[in-house]
């Protein structure tokens, strides 16, 4: 096996590693602090740099880098979404703010 077949298998492995990283983050029962995700992004950058500099472990480094990067970005995005959530104490309460409605003129 060589040429395009090997390239296609390597590309599929890298893509699956990225998808696996994001899917693994979705299984977390509790989000980590944002600093942990930033550290994981730094690890991903180091893995990408290793892949760029060394042809020997390029495929493995790309897989690790992409998995770490997508895990971290999914975690950071989840943290942003969670920060915008409605507090549990307000859940199910009726809002007292007036709702503007168009006036009916006949």
C-alpha atoms as a PDB file:
ATOM      1  CA  UNK A   1       0.000   0.000   0.000  1.00  0.00           C
ATOM      2  CA  UNK A   2       1.451   3.339  -0.942  1.00  0.00           C
ATOM      3  CA  UNK A   3       0.751   6.682  -2.466  1.00  0.00           C
ATOM      4  CA  UNK A   4      -2.809   7.892  -2.273  1.00  0.00           C
ATOM      5  CA  UNK A   5      -4.126   4.889  -0.340  1.00  0.00           C
ATOM      6  CA  UNK A   6      -1.714   5.504   2.528  1.00  0.00           C
ATOM      7  CA  UNK A   7      -2.456   9.241   2.447  1.00  0.00           C
ATOM      8  CA  UNK A   8      -6.197   8.563   2.624  1.00  0.00           C
ATOM      9  CA  UNK A   9      -5.832   6.239   5.595  1.00  0.00           C
ATOM     10  CA  UNK A  10      -3.649   8.752   7.437  1.00  0.00           C
ATOM     11  CA  UNK A  11      -6.122  11.558   6.729  1.00  0.00           C
ATOM     12  CA  UNK A  12      -8.996   9.392   7.981  1.00  0.00           C
ATOM     13  CA  UNK A  13      -7.075   8.543  11.151  1.00  0.00           C
ATOM     14  CA  UNK A  14      -6.377  12.217  11.851  1.00  0.00           C
ATOM     15  CA  UNK A  15     -10.019  13.149  11.212  1.00  0.00           C
ATOM     16  CA  UNK A  16     -11.263  10.370  13.487  1.00  0.00           C
ATOM     17  CA  UNK A  17      -8.851  11.491  16.203  1.00  0.00           C
ATOM     18  CA  UNK A  18     -10.311  14.998  16.064  1.00  0.00           C
ATOM     19  CA  UNK A  19     -13.880  13.747  16.170  1.00  0.00           C
ATOM     20  CA  UNK A  20     -12.925  11.412  19.000  1.00  0.00           C
ATOM     21  CA  UNK A  21     -11.472  14.296  21.001  1.00  0.00           C
ATOM     22  CA  UNK A  22     -14.662  16.319  20.723  1.00  0.00           C
ATOM     23  CA  UNK A  23     -16.818  13.271  21.472  1.00  0.00           C
ATOM     24  CA  UNK A  24     -14.734  12.454  24.536  1.00  0.00           C
ATOM     25  CA  UNK A  25     -15.278  15.966  25.898  1.00  0.00           C
ATOM     26  CA  UNK A  26     -19.026  15.589  25.442  1.00  0.00           C
ATOM     27  CA  UNK A  27     -18.900  12.637  27.847  1.00  0.00           C
ATOM     28  CA  UNK A  28     -17.480  14.755  30.698  1.00  0.00           C
ATOM     29  CA  UNK A  29     -19.954  14.854  33.599  1.00  0.00           C
ATOM     30  CA  UNK A  30     -18.433  18.107  34.949  1.00  0.00           C
ATOM     31  CA  UNK A  31     -16.517  20.760  33.064  1.00  0.00           C
ATOM     32  CA  UNK A  32     -12.910  21.440  33.990  1.00  0.00           C
ATOM     33  CA  UNK A  33     -11.691  24.955  34.776  1.00  0.00           C
ATOM     34  CA  UNK A  34     -10.883  27.039  31.699  1.00  0.00           C
ATOM     35  CA  UNK A  35      -7.179  26.953  32.557  1.00  0.00           C
ATOM     36  CA  UNK A  36      -7.139  23.172  32.054  1.00  0.00           C
ATOM     37  CA  UNK A  37      -8.580  23.560  28.559  1.00  0.00           C
ATOM     38  CA  UNK A  38      -6.064  26.300  27.745  1.00  0.00           C
ATOM     39  CA  UNK A  39      -3.243  24.009  28.906  1.00  0.00           C
ATOM     40  CA  UNK A  40      -4.625  21.290  26.648  1.00  0.00           C
ATOM     41  CA  UNK A  41      -4.599  23.759  23.746  1.00  0.00           C
ATOM     42  CA  UNK A  42      -0.946  24.482  24.514  1.00  0.00           C
ATOM     43  CA  UNK A  43      -0.268  20.738  24.387  1.00  0.00           C
ATOM     44  CA  UNK A  44      -2.007  20.605  21.012  1.00  0.00           C
ATOM     45  CA  UNK A  45       0.200  23.422  19.695  1.00  0.00           C
ATOM     46  CA  UNK A  46       3.293  21.529  20.871  1.00  0.00           C
ATOM     47  CA  UNK A  47       2.055  18.367  19.137  1.00  0.00           C
ATOM     48  CA  UNK A  48       1.473  20.319  15.910  1.00  0.00           C
ATOM     49  CA  UNK A  49       4.974  21.796  16.162  1.00  0.00           C
ATOM     50  CA  UNK A  50       6.414  18.312  16.649  1.00  0.00           C
ATOM     51  CA  UNK A  51       4.494  17.066  13.619  1.00  0.00           C
ATOM     52  CA  UNK A  52       5.809  19.945  11.551  1.00  0.00           C
ATOM     53  CA  UNK A  53       9.431  19.427  12.590  1.00  0.00           C
ATOM     54  CA  UNK A  54       9.694  15.651  12.641  1.00  0.00           C
ATOM     55  CA  UNK A  55       8.441  13.493   9.765  1.00  0.00           C
ATOM     56  CA  UNK A  56       8.997  10.358  11.816  1.00  0.00           C
ATOM     57  CA  UNK A  57       6.073  10.709  14.238  1.00  0.00           C
ATOM     58  CA  UNK A  58       4.017  13.115  12.163  1.00  0.00           C
ATOM     59  CA  UNK A  59       0.836  11.056  12.005  1.00  0.00           C
ATOM     60  CA  UNK A  60       0.732  10.285  15.717  1.00  0.00           C
ATOM     61  CA  UNK A  61       1.528  13.888  16.634  1.00  0.00           C
ATOM     62  CA  UNK A  62      -1.222  15.175  14.336  1.00  0.00           C
ATOM     63  CA  UNK A  63      -3.723  12.752  15.862  1.00  0.00           C
ATOM     64  CA  UNK A  64      -2.811  13.747  19.423  1.00  0.00           C
ATOM     65  CA  UNK A  65      -2.755  17.445  18.541  1.00  0.00           C
ATOM     66  CA  UNK A  66      -6.118  17.452  16.826  1.00  0.00           C
ATOM     67  CA  UNK A  67      -7.773  15.352  19.532  1.00  0.00           C
ATOM     68  CA  UNK A  68      -6.446  17.694  22.238  1.00  0.00           C
ATOM     69  CA  UNK A  69      -7.405  20.817  20.290  1.00  0.00           C
ATOM     70  CA  UNK A  70     -10.982  19.728  19.651  1.00  0.00           C
ATOM     71  CA  UNK A  71     -11.413  18.425  23.197  1.00  0.00           C
ATOM     72  CA  UNK A  72     -10.228  21.776  24.564  1.00  0.00           C
ATOM     73  CA  UNK A  73     -12.281  23.961  22.221  1.00  0.00           C
ATOM     74  CA  UNK A  74     -15.425  21.931  22.920  1.00  0.00           C
ATOM     75  CA  UNK A  75     -14.811  22.324  26.657  1.00  0.00           C
ATOM     76  CA  UNK A  76     -14.210  26.058  26.394  1.00  0.00           C
ATOM     77  CA  UNK A  77     -17.351  26.524  24.314  1.00  0.00           C
ATOM     78  CA  UNK A  78     -19.379  24.462  26.790  1.00  0.00           C
ATOM     79  CA  UNK A  79     -18.105  26.685  29.587  1.00  0.00           C
ATOM     80  CA  UNK A  80     -19.247  29.778  27.701  1.00  0.00           C
ATOM     81  CA  UNK A  81     -22.679  28.276  27.130  1.00  0.00           C
ATOM     82  CA  UNK A  82     -22.969  27.252  30.770  1.00  0.00           C
ATOM     83  CA  UNK A  83     -22.119  30.791  31.905  1.00  0.00           C
ATOM     84  CA  UNK A  84     -25.138  32.063  29.946  1.00  0.00           C
ATOM     85  CA  UNK A  85     -27.552  29.581  31.538  1.00  0.00           C
ATOM     86  CA  UNK A  86     -30.490  30.694  33.654  1.00  0.00           C
ATOM     87  CA  UNK A  87     -29.827  30.316  37.394  1.00  0.00           C
ATOM     88  CA  UNK A  88     -31.671  27.352  38.916  1.00  0.00           C
ATOM     89  CA  UNK A  89     -33.435  29.649  41.427  1.00  0.00           C
ATOM     90  CA  UNK A  90     -35.180  31.453  38.550  1.00  0.00           C
ATOM     91  CA  UNK A  91     -36.180  28.316  36.705  1.00  0.00           C
ATOM     92  CA  UNK A  92     -39.946  28.124  36.183  1.00  0.00           C
ATOM     93  CA  UNK A  93     -40.705  31.621  37.531  1.00  0.00           C
ATOM     94  CA  UNK A  94     -42.758  34.121  35.610  1.00  0.00           C
ATOM     95  CA  UNK A  95     -41.011  37.237  34.423  1.00  0.00           C
ATOM     96  CA  UNK A  96     -42.382  40.556  35.711  1.00  0.00           C
ATOM     97  CA  UNK A  97     -40.940  42.613  32.877  1.00  0.00           C
ATOM     98  CA  UNK A  98     -43.518  44.068  30.495  1.00  0.00           C
ATOM     99  CA  UNK A  99     -43.745  42.532  27.082  1.00  0.00           C
ATOM    100  CA  UNK A 100     -44.249  44.990  24.275  1.00  0.00           C
ATOM    101  CA  UNK A 101     -47.077  44.129  21.943  1.00  0.00           C
ATOM    102  CA  UNK A 102     -48.149  45.922  18.824  1.00  0.00           C
ATOM    103  CA  UNK A 103     -51.085  48.230  19.388  1.00  0.00           C
ATOM    104  CA  UNK A 104     -54.276  47.370  17.600  1.00  0.00           C
ATOM    105  CA  UNK A 105     -55.757  50.308  15.769  1.00  0.00           C
ATOM    106  CA  UNK A 106     -58.902  49.877  13.813  1.00  0.00           C
END
